[in-house]
Amino acid sequence: MMNLNHNVEETLEQCYVRQVEKGPAEGGTDLSLADEDIREAAALGLLERSGADVRLTEAGREAGRDVVRRHRLAECLLRDVLGVRTEELNAGACEFEHIIRRGLDEKICVLLGHPKACPHGKAIPPGECCLKAREDEVREVKPLCDGKADEAGVVAYLSTRDNREVQKLMAMGVLPGTPIRLTCRYPSYVFEIGLSQFTVDRELAEKIIVHWK
């Protein structure tokens, strides 16, 4: 994926929402688009212009989808991890989406448990990590509380939208891809990460989804 400046990304994002998500009938020119940004996107082969009509090319659709995905993942990250208020999400995500690049967006998606919608209820286009997670669902992936004593695995994702729970688990080092071992199930759940040992109740143990070996 080519690196684009912020204005071109915003242009592609608006076009994708209008032409792909809302449908062709609502496509065409958006008066909020700057002519300079349209020309630059067209020069890169991302937009086609015919008179007043502006359309995404195939490459433009892919790039626009990527920006929309990053924006909505940023909203989830700001709400679920940083505790940003809903009314402030869009402005923050508009800035943050340009920082998130391919690879980092997948790490955020995995951390958040592959959310399907942003805080405003809009669908998040799935990434390769989401498709892999669906394949993993048929494998031995289950909550920490369902593991056996002395069973080892790797953290798959965190199944929670509560930013306090996410922050607590992250502080323990419970992150996707981290090796984990359940050492005790009663009276509380005790697990090891590296050389450290932690104790959690069942409610929190249910939120740690593990790919057991």
N, C-alpha and C. Protein backbone atom coordinates (compact mmCIF):
# COMPACT_ATOMS: atom_id res chain seq x y z
N MET A 1 0.84 -1.19 0.00
CA MET A 1 0.00 0.00 0.00
C MET A 1 0.88 1.24 0.00
N MET A 2 0.65 2.16 -0.97
CA MET A 2 1.46 3.36 -1.05
C MET A 2 1.14 4.31 0.10
N ASN A 3 2.15 5.12 0.46
CA ASN A 3 1.95 6.13 1.49
C ASN A 3 1.32 7.37 0.86
N LEU A 4 0.22 7.80 1.42
CA LEU A 4 -0.53 8.95 0.89
C LEU A 4 -0.55 10.06 1.92
N ASN A 5 -0.65 11.31 1.44
CA ASN A 5 -0.75 12.40 2.41
C ASN A 5 -2.14 12.41 3.03
N HIS A 6 -2.28 13.12 4.13
CA HIS A 6 -3.52 13.09 4.90
C HIS A 6 -4.73 13.55 4.09
N ASN A 7 -4.55 14.58 3.29
CA ASN A 7 -5.69 15.12 2.54
C ASN A 7 -6.20 14.13 1.51
N VAL A 8 -5.28 13.44 0.85
CA VAL A 8 -5.70 12.44 -0.14
C VAL A 8 -6.41 11.29 0.55
N GLU A 9 -5.90 10.87 1.71
CA GLU A 9 -6.56 9.80 2.47
C GLU A 9 -7.97 10.20 2.87
N GLU A 10 -8.14 11.45 3.32
CA GLU A 10 -9.48 11.93 3.70
C GLU A 10 -10.41 11.92 2.49
N THR A 11 -9.87 12.28 1.32
CA THR A 11 -10.66 12.29 0.09
C THR A 11 -11.13 10.88 -0.27
N LEU A 12 -10.21 9.92 -0.19
CA LEU A 12 -10.55 8.53 -0.51
C LEU A 12 -11.54 7.96 0.51
N GLU A 13 -11.39 8.35 1.76
CA GLU A 13 -12.30 7.89 2.80
C GLU A 13 -13.73 8.36 2.52
N GLN A 14 -13.87 9.65 2.21
CA GLN A 14 -15.20 10.19 1.91
C GLN A 14 -15.82 9.51 0.68
N CYS A 15 -15.00 9.33 -0.35
CA CYS A 15 -15.51 8.69 -1.58
C CYS A 15 -15.93 7.25 -1.30
N TYR A 16 -15.16 6.53 -0.49
CA TYR A 16 -15.49 5.14 -0.19
C TYR A 16 -16.81 5.05 0.55
N VAL A 17 -16.99 5.89 1.55
CA VAL A 17 -18.24 5.88 2.32
C VAL A 17 -19.42 6.20 1.43
N ARG A 18 -19.28 7.20 0.56
CA ARG A 18 -20.39 7.62 -0.31
C ARG A 18 -20.69 6.60 -1.40
N GLN A 19 -19.64 6.10 -2.04
CA GLN A 19 -19.85 5.28 -3.24
C GLN A 19 -19.96 3.79 -2.96
N VAL A 20 -19.31 3.31 -1.92
CA VAL A 20 -19.31 1.87 -1.63
C VAL A 20 -20.31 1.53 -0.54
N GLU A 21 -20.27 2.25 0.57
CA GLU A 21 -21.14 1.92 1.69
C GLU A 21 -22.56 2.46 1.52
N LYS A 22 -22.68 3.65 0.97
CA LYS A 22 -24.02 4.22 0.79
C LYS A 22 -24.63 3.85 -0.56
N GLY A 23 -23.80 3.38 -1.48
CA GLY A 23 -24.33 2.92 -2.77
C GLY A 23 -24.09 3.91 -3.88
N PRO A 24 -24.05 3.40 -5.13
CA PRO A 24 -23.77 4.23 -6.30
C PRO A 24 -24.71 5.43 -6.44
N ALA A 25 -25.94 5.29 -6.02
CA ALA A 25 -26.91 6.37 -6.19
C ALA A 25 -26.50 7.62 -5.42
N GLU A 26 -25.68 7.43 -4.37
CA GLU A 26 -25.25 8.58 -3.57
C GLU A 26 -23.80 8.93 -3.84
N GLY A 27 -23.21 8.37 -4.90
CA GLY A 27 -21.83 8.68 -5.23
C GLY A 27 -21.72 10.00 -5.96
N GLY A 28 -20.60 10.15 -6.72
CA GLY A 28 -20.44 11.39 -7.45
C GLY A 28 -19.69 12.42 -6.65
N THR A 29 -19.83 13.67 -7.05
CA THR A 29 -19.06 14.75 -6.46
C THR A 29 -19.49 15.05 -5.04
N ASP A 30 -18.52 15.22 -4.19
CA ASP A 30 -18.76 15.66 -2.82
C ASP A 30 -18.16 17.06 -2.71
N LEU A 31 -18.98 18.07 -2.43
CA LEU A 31 -18.51 19.45 -2.44
C LEU A 31 -17.45 19.73 -1.38
N SER A 32 -17.29 18.82 -0.42
CA SER A 32 -16.27 19.03 0.61
C SER A 32 -14.89 18.58 0.14
N LEU A 33 -14.80 17.99 -1.05
CA LEU A 33 -13.52 17.53 -1.57
C LEU A 33 -12.79 18.67 -2.26
N ALA A 34 -11.53 18.84 -1.94
CA ALA A 34 -10.72 19.89 -2.56
C ALA A 34 -10.26 19.43 -3.94
N ASP A 35 -10.32 20.33 -4.91
CA ASP A 35 -9.96 19.99 -6.28
C ASP A 35 -8.50 19.53 -6.36
N GLU A 36 -7.64 20.16 -5.58
CA GLU A 36 -6.22 19.78 -5.58
C GLU A 36 -6.03 18.34 -5.12
N ASP A 37 -6.79 17.93 -4.10
CA ASP A 37 -6.68 16.56 -3.59
C ASP A 37 -7.24 15.56 -4.59
N ILE A 38 -8.31 15.95 -5.28
CA ILE A 38 -8.87 15.07 -6.32
C ILE A 38 -7.86 14.87 -7.43
N ARG A 39 -7.21 15.95 -7.86
CA ARG A 39 -6.21 15.86 -8.94
C ARG A 39 -5.05 14.96 -8.52
N GLU A 40 -4.59 15.10 -7.29
CA GLU A 40 -3.47 14.29 -6.82
C GLU A 40 -3.85 12.82 -6.76
N ALA A 41 -5.05 12.53 -6.25
CA ALA A 41 -5.51 11.14 -6.18
C ALA A 41 -5.68 10.56 -7.58
N ALA A 42 -6.16 11.39 -8.50
CA ALA A 42 -6.33 10.93 -9.88
C ALA A 42 -4.98 10.64 -10.53
N ALA A 43 -3.99 11.47 -10.24
CA ALA A 43 -2.64 11.28 -10.80
C ALA A 43 -2.02 9.98 -10.29
N LEU A 44 -2.44 9.55 -9.11
CA LEU A 44 -1.94 8.30 -8.53
C LEU A 44 -2.76 7.09 -8.97
N GLY A 45 -3.77 7.33 -9.81
CA GLY A 45 -4.60 6.24 -10.29
C GLY A 45 -5.63 5.76 -9.31
N LEU A 46 -5.99 6.62 -8.33
CA LEU A 46 -6.94 6.23 -7.30
C LEU A 46 -8.35 6.77 -7.55
N LEU A 47 -8.46 7.80 -8.35
CA LEU A 47 -9.76 8.39 -8.69
C LEU A 47 -9.83 8.60 -10.20
N GLU A 48 -11.05 8.55 -10.71
CA GLU A 48 -11.31 8.90 -12.10
C GLU A 48 -12.31 10.05 -12.10
N ARG A 49 -12.04 11.03 -12.94
CA ARG A 49 -12.91 12.19 -12.97
C ARG A 49 -13.47 12.39 -14.37
N SER A 50 -14.78 12.58 -14.45
CA SER A 50 -15.45 12.85 -15.72
C SER A 50 -16.40 14.01 -15.49
N GLY A 51 -15.96 15.20 -15.85
CA GLY A 51 -16.76 16.39 -15.57
C GLY A 51 -16.85 16.61 -14.07
N ALA A 52 -18.07 16.66 -13.56
CA ALA A 52 -18.28 16.86 -12.13
C ALA A 52 -18.29 15.54 -11.36
N ASP A 53 -18.25 14.43 -12.10
CA ASP A 53 -18.36 13.12 -11.47
C ASP A 53 -16.98 12.60 -11.06
N VAL A 54 -16.86 12.15 -9.80
CA VAL A 54 -15.61 11.61 -9.28
C VAL A 54 -15.87 10.19 -8.80
N ARG A 55 -15.07 9.25 -9.29
CA ARG A 55 -15.27 7.84 -8.93
C ARG A 55 -13.96 7.21 -8.52
N LEU A 56 -14.05 6.27 -7.58
CA LEU A 56 -12.88 5.50 -7.15
C LEU A 56 -12.51 4.47 -8.21
N THR A 57 -11.21 4.31 -8.45
CA THR A 57 -10.75 3.19 -9.27
C THR A 57 -10.68 1.96 -8.36
N GLU A 58 -10.32 0.82 -8.93
CA GLU A 58 -10.19 -0.39 -8.11
C GLU A 58 -9.14 -0.18 -7.02
N ALA A 59 -8.01 0.43 -7.40
CA ALA A 59 -6.97 0.71 -6.41
C ALA A 59 -7.45 1.73 -5.38
N GLY A 60 -8.27 2.69 -5.83
CA GLY A 60 -8.81 3.69 -4.93
C GLY A 60 -9.78 3.11 -3.93
N ARG A 61 -10.56 2.12 -4.37
CA ARG A 61 -11.49 1.44 -3.46
C ARG A 61 -10.72 0.73 -2.36
N GLU A 62 -9.63 0.07 -2.73
CA GLU A 62 -8.82 -0.66 -1.74
C GLU A 62 -8.19 0.33 -0.74
N ALA A 63 -7.67 1.45 -1.28
CA ALA A 63 -7.04 2.44 -0.41
C ALA A 63 -8.08 3.11 0.49
N GLY A 64 -9.25 3.42 -0.06
CA GLY A 64 -10.31 4.03 0.73
C GLY A 64 -10.81 3.11 1.82
N ARG A 65 -10.94 1.84 1.49
CA ARG A 65 -11.37 0.84 2.47
C ARG A 65 -10.37 0.77 3.62
N ASP A 66 -9.08 0.85 3.27
CA ASP A 66 -8.03 0.78 4.28
C ASP A 66 -8.11 1.97 5.24
N VAL A 67 -8.38 3.17 4.70
CA VAL A 67 -8.48 4.35 5.55
C VAL A 67 -9.70 4.25 6.47
N VAL A 68 -10.83 3.80 5.91
CA VAL A 68 -12.04 3.63 6.71
C VAL A 68 -11.81 2.64 7.83
N ARG A 69 -11.13 1.54 7.53
CA ARG A 69 -10.83 0.53 8.54
C ARG A 69 -9.98 1.13 9.65
N ARG A 70 -8.94 1.86 9.29
CA ARG A 70 -8.05 2.44 10.29
C ARG A 70 -8.78 3.47 11.15
N HIS A 71 -9.65 4.27 10.53
CA HIS A 71 -10.40 5.28 11.28
C HIS A 71 -11.30 4.62 12.33
N ARG A 72 -12.01 3.58 11.95
CA ARG A 72 -12.96 2.95 12.86
C ARG A 72 -12.25 2.13 13.93
N LEU A 73 -11.11 1.54 13.59
CA LEU A 73 -10.31 0.86 14.61
C LEU A 73 -9.75 1.88 15.60
N ALA A 74 -9.36 3.05 15.10
CA ALA A 74 -8.85 4.10 15.98
C ALA A 74 -9.93 4.53 16.96
N GLU A 75 -11.17 4.62 16.50
CA GLU A 75 -12.27 4.98 17.40
C GLU A 75 -12.43 3.94 18.51
N CYS A 76 -12.34 2.66 18.13
CA CYS A 76 -12.45 1.59 19.13
C CYS A 76 -11.30 1.65 20.13
N LEU A 77 -10.10 1.89 19.63
CA LEU A 77 -8.93 1.98 20.50
C LEU A 77 -9.07 3.14 21.48
N LEU A 78 -9.48 4.29 20.98
CA LEU A 78 -9.63 5.47 21.83
C LEU A 78 -10.70 5.26 22.90
N ARG A 79 -11.79 4.58 22.54
CA ARG A 79 -12.86 4.34 23.51
C ARG A 79 -12.51 3.22 24.48
N ASP A 80 -12.07 2.08 23.94
CA ASP A 80 -11.92 0.88 24.77
C ASP A 80 -10.66 0.86 25.61
N VAL A 81 -9.59 1.47 25.12
CA VAL A 81 -8.32 1.44 25.84
C VAL A 81 -8.02 2.76 26.53
N LEU A 82 -8.30 3.86 25.86
CA LEU A 82 -7.95 5.16 26.42
C LEU A 82 -9.12 5.86 27.10
N GLY A 83 -10.33 5.31 26.97
CA GLY A 83 -11.48 5.86 27.67
C GLY A 83 -11.95 7.21 27.17
N VAL A 84 -11.71 7.49 25.89
CA VAL A 84 -12.16 8.77 25.30
C VAL A 84 -13.68 8.78 25.17
N ARG A 85 -14.29 9.92 25.45
CA ARG A 85 -15.74 10.03 25.37
C ARG A 85 -16.22 9.92 23.93
N THR A 86 -17.42 9.38 23.75
CA THR A 86 -17.96 9.12 22.41
C THR A 86 -17.98 10.37 21.55
N GLU A 87 -18.36 11.50 22.13
CA GLU A 87 -18.48 12.73 21.34
C GLU A 87 -17.13 13.26 20.87
N GLU A 88 -16.04 12.74 21.43
CA GLU A 88 -14.71 13.19 21.04
C GLU A 88 -14.00 12.20 20.12
N LEU A 89 -14.65 11.07 19.86
CA LEU A 89 -13.98 9.99 19.13
C LEU A 89 -13.62 10.36 17.70
N ASN A 90 -14.56 10.95 16.97
CA ASN A 90 -14.35 11.18 15.54
C ASN A 90 -13.15 12.08 15.29
N ALA A 91 -13.07 13.19 16.04
CA ALA A 91 -11.96 14.12 15.84
C ALA A 91 -10.63 13.45 16.16
N GLY A 92 -10.59 12.70 17.26
CA GLY A 92 -9.35 12.02 17.63
C GLY A 92 -8.97 10.96 16.62
N ALA A 93 -9.96 10.22 16.13
CA ALA A 93 -9.70 9.15 15.16
C ALA A 93 -9.22 9.71 13.83
N CYS A 94 -9.71 10.90 13.45
CA CYS A 94 -9.29 11.53 12.20
C CYS A 94 -7.79 11.80 12.21
N GLU A 95 -7.25 12.14 13.39
CA GLU A 95 -5.82 12.36 13.51
C GLU A 95 -5.07 11.03 13.60
N PHE A 96 -5.62 10.11 14.38
CA PHE A 96 -4.94 8.85 14.69
C PHE A 96 -4.89 7.92 13.49
N GLU A 97 -5.89 7.99 12.62
CA GLU A 97 -5.96 7.05 11.49
C GLU A 97 -4.77 7.19 10.56
N HIS A 98 -4.17 8.39 10.51
CA HIS A 98 -3.04 8.61 9.61
C HIS A 98 -1.73 8.08 10.20
N ILE A 99 -1.74 7.82 11.51
CA ILE A 99 -0.56 7.28 12.17
C ILE A 99 -0.53 5.76 12.04
N ILE A 100 -1.74 5.17 12.06
CA ILE A 100 -1.86 3.71 12.00
C ILE A 100 -1.58 3.24 10.57
N ARG A 101 -0.61 2.42 10.40
CA ARG A 101 -0.28 1.88 9.08
C ARG A 101 -0.50 0.38 9.07
N ARG A 102 -0.40 -0.19 7.87
CA ARG A 102 -0.61 -1.62 7.72
C ARG A 102 0.37 -2.39 8.62
N GLY A 103 -0.13 -3.36 9.33
CA GLY A 103 0.66 -4.09 10.30
C GLY A 103 0.27 -3.63 11.69
N LEU A 104 0.35 -2.32 11.93
CA LEU A 104 -0.07 -1.78 13.22
C LEU A 104 -1.59 -1.87 13.37
N ASP A 105 -2.32 -1.65 12.27
CA ASP A 105 -3.78 -1.75 12.34
C ASP A 105 -4.20 -3.18 12.71
N GLU A 106 -3.46 -4.17 12.23
CA GLU A 106 -3.80 -5.55 12.56
C GLU A 106 -3.49 -5.86 14.02
N LYS A 107 -2.41 -5.29 14.54
CA LYS A 107 -2.08 -5.50 15.96
C LYS A 107 -3.16 -4.90 16.85
N ILE A 108 -3.66 -3.72 16.47
CA ILE A 108 -4.73 -3.07 17.22
C ILE A 108 -6.01 -3.91 17.13
N CYS A 109 -6.29 -4.41 15.94
CA CYS A 109 -7.49 -5.21 15.72
C CYS A 109 -7.45 -6.48 16.57
N VAL A 110 -6.29 -7.13 16.61
CA VAL A 110 -6.14 -8.35 17.41
C VAL A 110 -6.29 -8.02 18.89
N LEU A 111 -5.66 -6.93 19.33
CA LEU A 111 -5.75 -6.51 20.73
C LEU A 111 -7.20 -6.31 21.16
N LEU A 112 -8.00 -5.73 20.27
CA LEU A 112 -9.39 -5.42 20.60
C LEU A 112 -10.34 -6.58 20.34
N GLY A 113 -9.81 -7.71 19.89
CA GLY A 113 -10.66 -8.88 19.66
C GLY A 113 -11.43 -8.82 18.37
N HIS A 114 -10.85 -8.17 17.34
CA HIS A 114 -11.45 -8.10 16.00
C HIS A 114 -12.87 -7.52 16.04
N PRO A 115 -13.01 -6.26 16.48
CA PRO A 115 -14.34 -5.65 16.53
C PRO A 115 -14.96 -5.57 15.15
N LYS A 116 -16.26 -5.80 15.07
CA LYS A 116 -16.96 -5.77 13.78
C LYS A 116 -17.59 -4.41 13.48
N ALA A 117 -17.71 -3.58 14.51
CA ALA A 117 -18.32 -2.26 14.32
C ALA A 117 -17.63 -1.23 15.19
N CYS A 118 -17.63 0.02 14.75
CA CYS A 118 -17.06 1.11 15.53
C CYS A 118 -18.06 1.54 16.60
N PRO A 119 -17.68 2.44 17.50
CA PRO A 119 -18.61 2.87 18.55
C PRO A 119 -19.89 3.51 18.03
N HIS A 120 -19.89 3.94 16.77
CA HIS A 120 -21.08 4.55 16.17
C HIS A 120 -21.93 3.53 15.42
N GLY A 121 -21.52 2.25 15.50
CA GLY A 121 -22.30 1.20 14.87
C GLY A 121 -21.99 0.95 13.41
N LYS A 122 -20.97 1.60 12.86
CA LYS A 122 -20.61 1.40 11.45
C LYS A 122 -19.66 0.21 11.32
N ALA A 123 -19.88 -0.58 10.29
CA ALA A 123 -19.08 -1.80 10.11
C ALA A 123 -17.61 -1.47 9.88
N ILE A 124 -16.74 -2.27 10.49
CA ILE A 124 -15.29 -2.15 10.28
C ILE A 124 -14.89 -3.18 9.22
N PRO A 125 -14.38 -2.74 8.07
CA PRO A 125 -13.95 -3.71 7.05
C PRO A 125 -12.94 -4.68 7.65
N PRO A 126 -13.14 -5.98 7.50
CA PRO A 126 -12.23 -6.96 8.09
C PRO A 126 -10.87 -6.96 7.42
N GLY A 127 -9.84 -7.31 8.20
CA GLY A 127 -8.49 -7.43 7.66
C GLY A 127 -8.08 -8.89 7.60
N GLU A 128 -6.85 -9.12 7.18
CA GLU A 128 -6.35 -10.49 7.09
C GLU A 128 -6.34 -11.15 8.47
N CYS A 129 -6.09 -10.35 9.51
CA CYS A 129 -6.06 -10.91 10.86
C CYS A 129 -7.44 -11.43 11.27
N CYS A 130 -8.50 -10.77 10.78
CA CYS A 130 -9.86 -11.19 11.10
C CYS A 130 -10.18 -12.53 10.44
N LEU A 131 -9.72 -12.68 9.20
CA LEU A 131 -9.95 -13.94 8.48
C LEU A 131 -9.20 -15.08 9.16
N LYS A 132 -7.98 -14.80 9.62
CA LYS A 132 -7.20 -15.81 10.32
C LYS A 132 -7.87 -16.19 11.64
N ALA A 133 -8.44 -15.18 12.31
CA ALA A 133 -9.11 -15.44 13.59
C ALA A 133 -10.31 -16.36 13.38
N ARG A 134 -11.01 -16.19 12.28
CA ARG A 134 -12.16 -17.06 12.00
C ARG A 134 -11.71 -18.50 11.78
N GLU A 135 -10.55 -18.65 11.13
CA GLU A 135 -10.01 -20.00 10.94
C GLU A 135 -9.60 -20.60 12.29
N ASP A 136 -9.08 -19.74 13.17
CA ASP A 136 -8.64 -20.21 14.48
C ASP A 136 -9.80 -20.65 15.35
N GLU A 137 -11.00 -20.14 15.07
CA GLU A 137 -12.16 -20.49 15.88
C GLU A 137 -12.47 -21.98 15.85
N VAL A 138 -12.06 -22.64 14.76
CA VAL A 138 -12.32 -24.08 14.67
C VAL A 138 -11.19 -24.87 15.34
N ARG A 139 -10.14 -24.14 15.77
CA ARG A 139 -9.04 -24.77 16.48
C ARG A 139 -9.28 -24.63 17.98
N GLU A 140 -8.30 -25.00 18.77
CA GLU A 140 -8.48 -25.00 20.22
C GLU A 140 -8.28 -23.59 20.79
N VAL A 141 -9.27 -22.73 20.58
CA VAL A 141 -9.23 -21.36 21.10
C VAL A 141 -10.38 -21.22 22.09
N LYS A 142 -10.05 -20.94 23.35
CA LYS A 142 -11.08 -20.83 24.38
C LYS A 142 -10.58 -19.95 25.52
N PRO A 143 -11.48 -19.47 26.39
CA PRO A 143 -11.08 -18.58 27.48
C PRO A 143 -10.10 -19.24 28.45
N LEU A 144 -9.34 -18.41 29.15
CA LEU A 144 -8.39 -18.90 30.13
C LEU A 144 -9.09 -19.75 31.19
N CYS A 145 -10.30 -19.35 31.57
CA CYS A 145 -11.02 -20.07 32.64
C CYS A 145 -11.41 -21.49 32.23
N ASP A 146 -11.37 -21.79 30.92
CA ASP A 146 -11.71 -23.12 30.45
C ASP A 146 -10.48 -24.01 30.25
N GLY A 147 -9.30 -23.45 30.53
CA GLY A 147 -8.08 -24.23 30.39
C GLY A 147 -7.89 -25.20 31.55
N LYS A 148 -6.95 -26.10 31.38
CA LYS A 148 -6.63 -27.07 32.42
C LYS A 148 -5.41 -26.59 33.21
N ALA A 149 -5.32 -26.99 34.47
CA ALA A 149 -4.17 -26.62 35.29
C ALA A 149 -2.87 -27.08 34.62
N ASP A 150 -1.90 -26.20 34.55
CA ASP A 150 -0.57 -26.43 33.96
C ASP A 150 -0.63 -26.51 32.43
N GLU A 151 -1.74 -26.05 31.84
CA GLU A 151 -1.85 -26.02 30.38
C GLU A 151 -1.28 -24.71 29.86
N ALA A 152 -0.55 -24.78 28.74
CA ALA A 152 0.10 -23.60 28.16
C ALA A 152 -0.52 -23.25 26.82
N GLY A 153 -0.39 -22.01 26.47
CA GLY A 153 -0.89 -21.55 25.19
C GLY A 153 -0.37 -20.16 24.87
N VAL A 154 -1.04 -19.52 23.93
CA VAL A 154 -0.68 -18.17 23.51
C VAL A 154 -1.94 -17.32 23.52
N VAL A 155 -1.86 -16.12 24.06
CA VAL A 155 -3.02 -15.23 24.10
C VAL A 155 -3.46 -14.92 22.67
N ALA A 156 -4.72 -15.20 22.36
CA ALA A 156 -5.25 -14.93 21.02
C ALA A 156 -5.77 -13.49 20.94
N TYR A 157 -6.63 -13.11 21.89
CA TYR A 157 -7.15 -11.74 21.94
C TYR A 157 -7.85 -11.52 23.27
N LEU A 158 -8.22 -10.28 23.53
CA LEU A 158 -8.93 -9.91 24.76
C LEU A 158 -10.39 -9.67 24.42
N SER A 159 -11.26 -10.42 25.04
CA SER A 159 -12.69 -10.34 24.73
C SER A 159 -13.41 -9.39 25.69
N THR A 160 -13.07 -8.10 25.59
CA THR A 160 -13.70 -7.11 26.45
C THR A 160 -13.66 -5.75 25.77
N ARG A 161 -14.66 -4.91 26.05
CA ARG A 161 -14.70 -3.54 25.55
C ARG A 161 -14.57 -2.55 26.71
N ASP A 162 -14.36 -3.08 27.90
CA ASP A 162 -14.23 -2.24 29.10
C ASP A 162 -12.79 -1.75 29.18
N ASN A 163 -12.59 -0.45 29.04
CA ASN A 163 -11.21 0.06 28.99
C ASN A 163 -10.44 -0.19 30.28
N ARG A 164 -11.15 -0.27 31.43
CA ARG A 164 -10.47 -0.57 32.68
C ARG A 164 -9.94 -2.00 32.69
N GLU A 165 -10.74 -2.93 32.14
CA GLU A 165 -10.28 -4.32 32.06
C GLU A 165 -9.13 -4.46 31.08
N VAL A 166 -9.24 -3.78 29.94
CA VAL A 166 -8.16 -3.84 28.95
C VAL A 166 -6.86 -3.31 29.54
N GLN A 167 -6.94 -2.17 30.21
CA GLN A 167 -5.74 -1.59 30.81
C GLN A 167 -5.15 -2.48 31.89
N LYS A 168 -6.01 -3.12 32.69
CA LYS A 168 -5.54 -4.00 33.76
C LYS A 168 -4.81 -5.21 33.17
N LEU A 169 -5.39 -5.80 32.12
CA LEU A 169 -4.77 -6.96 31.50
C LEU A 169 -3.47 -6.59 30.80
N MET A 170 -3.47 -5.44 30.14
CA MET A 170 -2.25 -4.99 29.46
C MET A 170 -1.13 -4.74 30.48
N ALA A 171 -1.49 -4.21 31.66
CA ALA A 171 -0.49 -3.97 32.70
C ALA A 171 0.14 -5.26 33.18
N MET A 172 -0.61 -6.38 33.10
CA MET A 172 -0.08 -7.69 33.48
C MET A 172 0.76 -8.30 32.36
N GLY A 173 0.73 -7.66 31.19
CA GLY A 173 1.45 -8.22 30.05
C GLY A 173 0.61 -9.16 29.22
N VAL A 174 -0.71 -9.17 29.47
CA VAL A 174 -1.61 -10.05 28.71
C VAL A 174 -1.92 -9.37 27.38
N LEU A 175 -1.15 -9.71 26.36
CA LEU A 175 -1.29 -9.13 25.03
C LEU A 175 -1.35 -10.24 23.99
N PRO A 176 -2.04 -10.02 22.89
CA PRO A 176 -2.10 -11.04 21.83
C PRO A 176 -0.70 -11.48 21.41
N GLY A 177 -0.52 -12.79 21.28
CA GLY A 177 0.76 -13.34 20.87
C GLY A 177 1.69 -13.68 22.02
N THR A 178 1.27 -13.36 23.27
CA THR A 178 2.11 -13.61 24.45
C THR A 178 1.90 -15.03 24.98
N PRO A 179 2.97 -15.79 25.20
CA PRO A 179 2.83 -17.13 25.82
C PRO A 179 2.25 -17.00 27.23
N ILE A 180 1.36 -17.92 27.58
CA ILE A 180 0.71 -17.89 28.89
C ILE A 180 0.52 -19.31 29.39
N ARG A 181 0.62 -19.50 30.70
CA ARG A 181 0.42 -20.83 31.29
C ARG A 181 -0.53 -20.70 32.48
N LEU A 182 -1.59 -21.50 32.48
CA LEU A 182 -2.52 -21.53 33.61
C LEU A 182 -1.98 -22.51 34.64
N THR A 183 -1.71 -22.04 35.85
CA THR A 183 -1.12 -22.91 36.87
C THR A 183 -2.11 -23.37 37.93
N CYS A 184 -3.20 -22.61 38.10
CA CYS A 184 -4.17 -22.97 39.14
C CYS A 184 -5.56 -22.45 38.75
N ARG A 185 -6.60 -23.24 39.05
CA ARG A 185 -7.97 -22.86 38.72
C ARG A 185 -8.81 -22.50 39.95
N TYR A 186 -8.34 -22.89 41.15
CA TYR A 186 -9.16 -22.70 42.36
C TYR A 186 -8.28 -22.34 43.55
N PRO A 187 -8.70 -21.36 44.36
CA PRO A 187 -9.99 -20.65 44.38
C PRO A 187 -10.06 -19.51 43.36
N SER A 188 -8.90 -19.11 42.84
CA SER A 188 -8.85 -18.11 41.77
C SER A 188 -8.02 -18.66 40.63
N TYR A 189 -8.01 -17.96 39.53
CA TYR A 189 -7.23 -18.40 38.37
C TYR A 189 -5.85 -17.75 38.44
N VAL A 190 -4.83 -18.61 38.47
CA VAL A 190 -3.45 -18.14 38.56
C VAL A 190 -2.76 -18.50 37.25
N PHE A 191 -2.09 -17.53 36.66
CA PHE A 191 -1.39 -17.81 35.40
C PHE A 191 -0.02 -17.15 35.40
N GLU A 192 0.84 -17.67 34.54
CA GLU A 192 2.20 -17.16 34.42
C GLU A 192 2.40 -16.56 33.04
N ILE A 193 3.07 -15.42 33.03
CA ILE A 193 3.54 -14.80 31.80
C ILE A 193 5.00 -14.45 32.02
N GLY A 194 5.88 -15.12 31.28
CA GLY A 194 7.31 -14.94 31.52
C GLY A 194 7.66 -15.46 32.90
N LEU A 195 8.31 -14.62 33.69
CA LEU A 195 8.70 -15.00 35.05
C LEU A 195 7.72 -14.46 36.09
N SER A 196 6.65 -13.84 35.63
CA SER A 196 5.68 -13.24 36.55
C SER A 196 4.43 -14.10 36.68
N GLN A 197 3.82 -14.03 37.85
CA GLN A 197 2.61 -14.80 38.12
C GLN A 197 1.50 -13.83 38.55
N PHE A 198 0.28 -14.07 38.06
CA PHE A 198 -0.84 -13.19 38.33
C PHE A 198 -2.08 -14.00 38.73
N THR A 199 -2.95 -13.37 39.51
CA THR A 199 -4.19 -14.00 39.94
C THR A 199 -5.37 -13.15 39.52
N VAL A 200 -6.39 -13.77 38.91
CA VAL A 200 -7.59 -13.05 38.49
C VAL A 200 -8.81 -13.88 38.86
N ASP A 201 -9.97 -13.22 38.93
CA ASP A 201 -11.21 -13.96 39.18
C ASP A 201 -11.76 -14.51 37.87
N ARG A 202 -12.84 -15.27 37.95
CA ARG A 202 -13.39 -15.91 36.76
C ARG A 202 -13.86 -14.88 35.73
N GLU A 203 -14.44 -13.79 36.22
CA GLU A 203 -14.98 -12.78 35.31
C GLU A 203 -13.90 -12.23 34.38
N LEU A 204 -12.71 -12.00 34.93
CA LEU A 204 -11.62 -11.49 34.10
C LEU A 204 -10.96 -12.61 33.31
N ALA A 205 -10.91 -13.81 33.89
CA ALA A 205 -10.32 -14.96 33.18
C ALA A 205 -11.12 -15.30 31.92
N GLU A 206 -12.41 -14.99 31.93
CA GLU A 206 -13.25 -15.24 30.76
C GLU A 206 -12.88 -14.32 29.59
N LYS A 207 -12.26 -13.19 29.90
CA LYS A 207 -11.94 -12.19 28.88
C LYS A 207 -10.62 -12.47 28.17
N ILE A 208 -9.82 -13.40 28.72
CA ILE A 208 -8.53 -13.74 28.11
C ILE A 208 -8.73 -14.96 27.23
N ILE A 209 -8.73 -14.75 25.92
CA ILE A 209 -8.95 -15.86 24.98
C ILE A 209 -7.61 -16.41 24.54
N VAL A 210 -7.44 -17.72 24.73
CA VAL A 210 -6.14 -18.36 24.53
C VAL A 210 -6.20 -19.41 23.43
N HIS A 211 -5.16 -19.44 22.63
CA HIS A 211 -4.97 -20.52 21.65
C HIS A 211 -4.11 -21.56 22.35
N TRP A 212 -4.76 -22.63 22.81
CA TRP A 212 -4.05 -23.66 23.60
C TRP A 212 -3.23 -24.56 22.71
N LYS A 213 -2.08 -24.93 23.21
CA LYS A 213 -1.16 -25.80 22.43
C LYS A 213 -1.59 -27.26 22.54
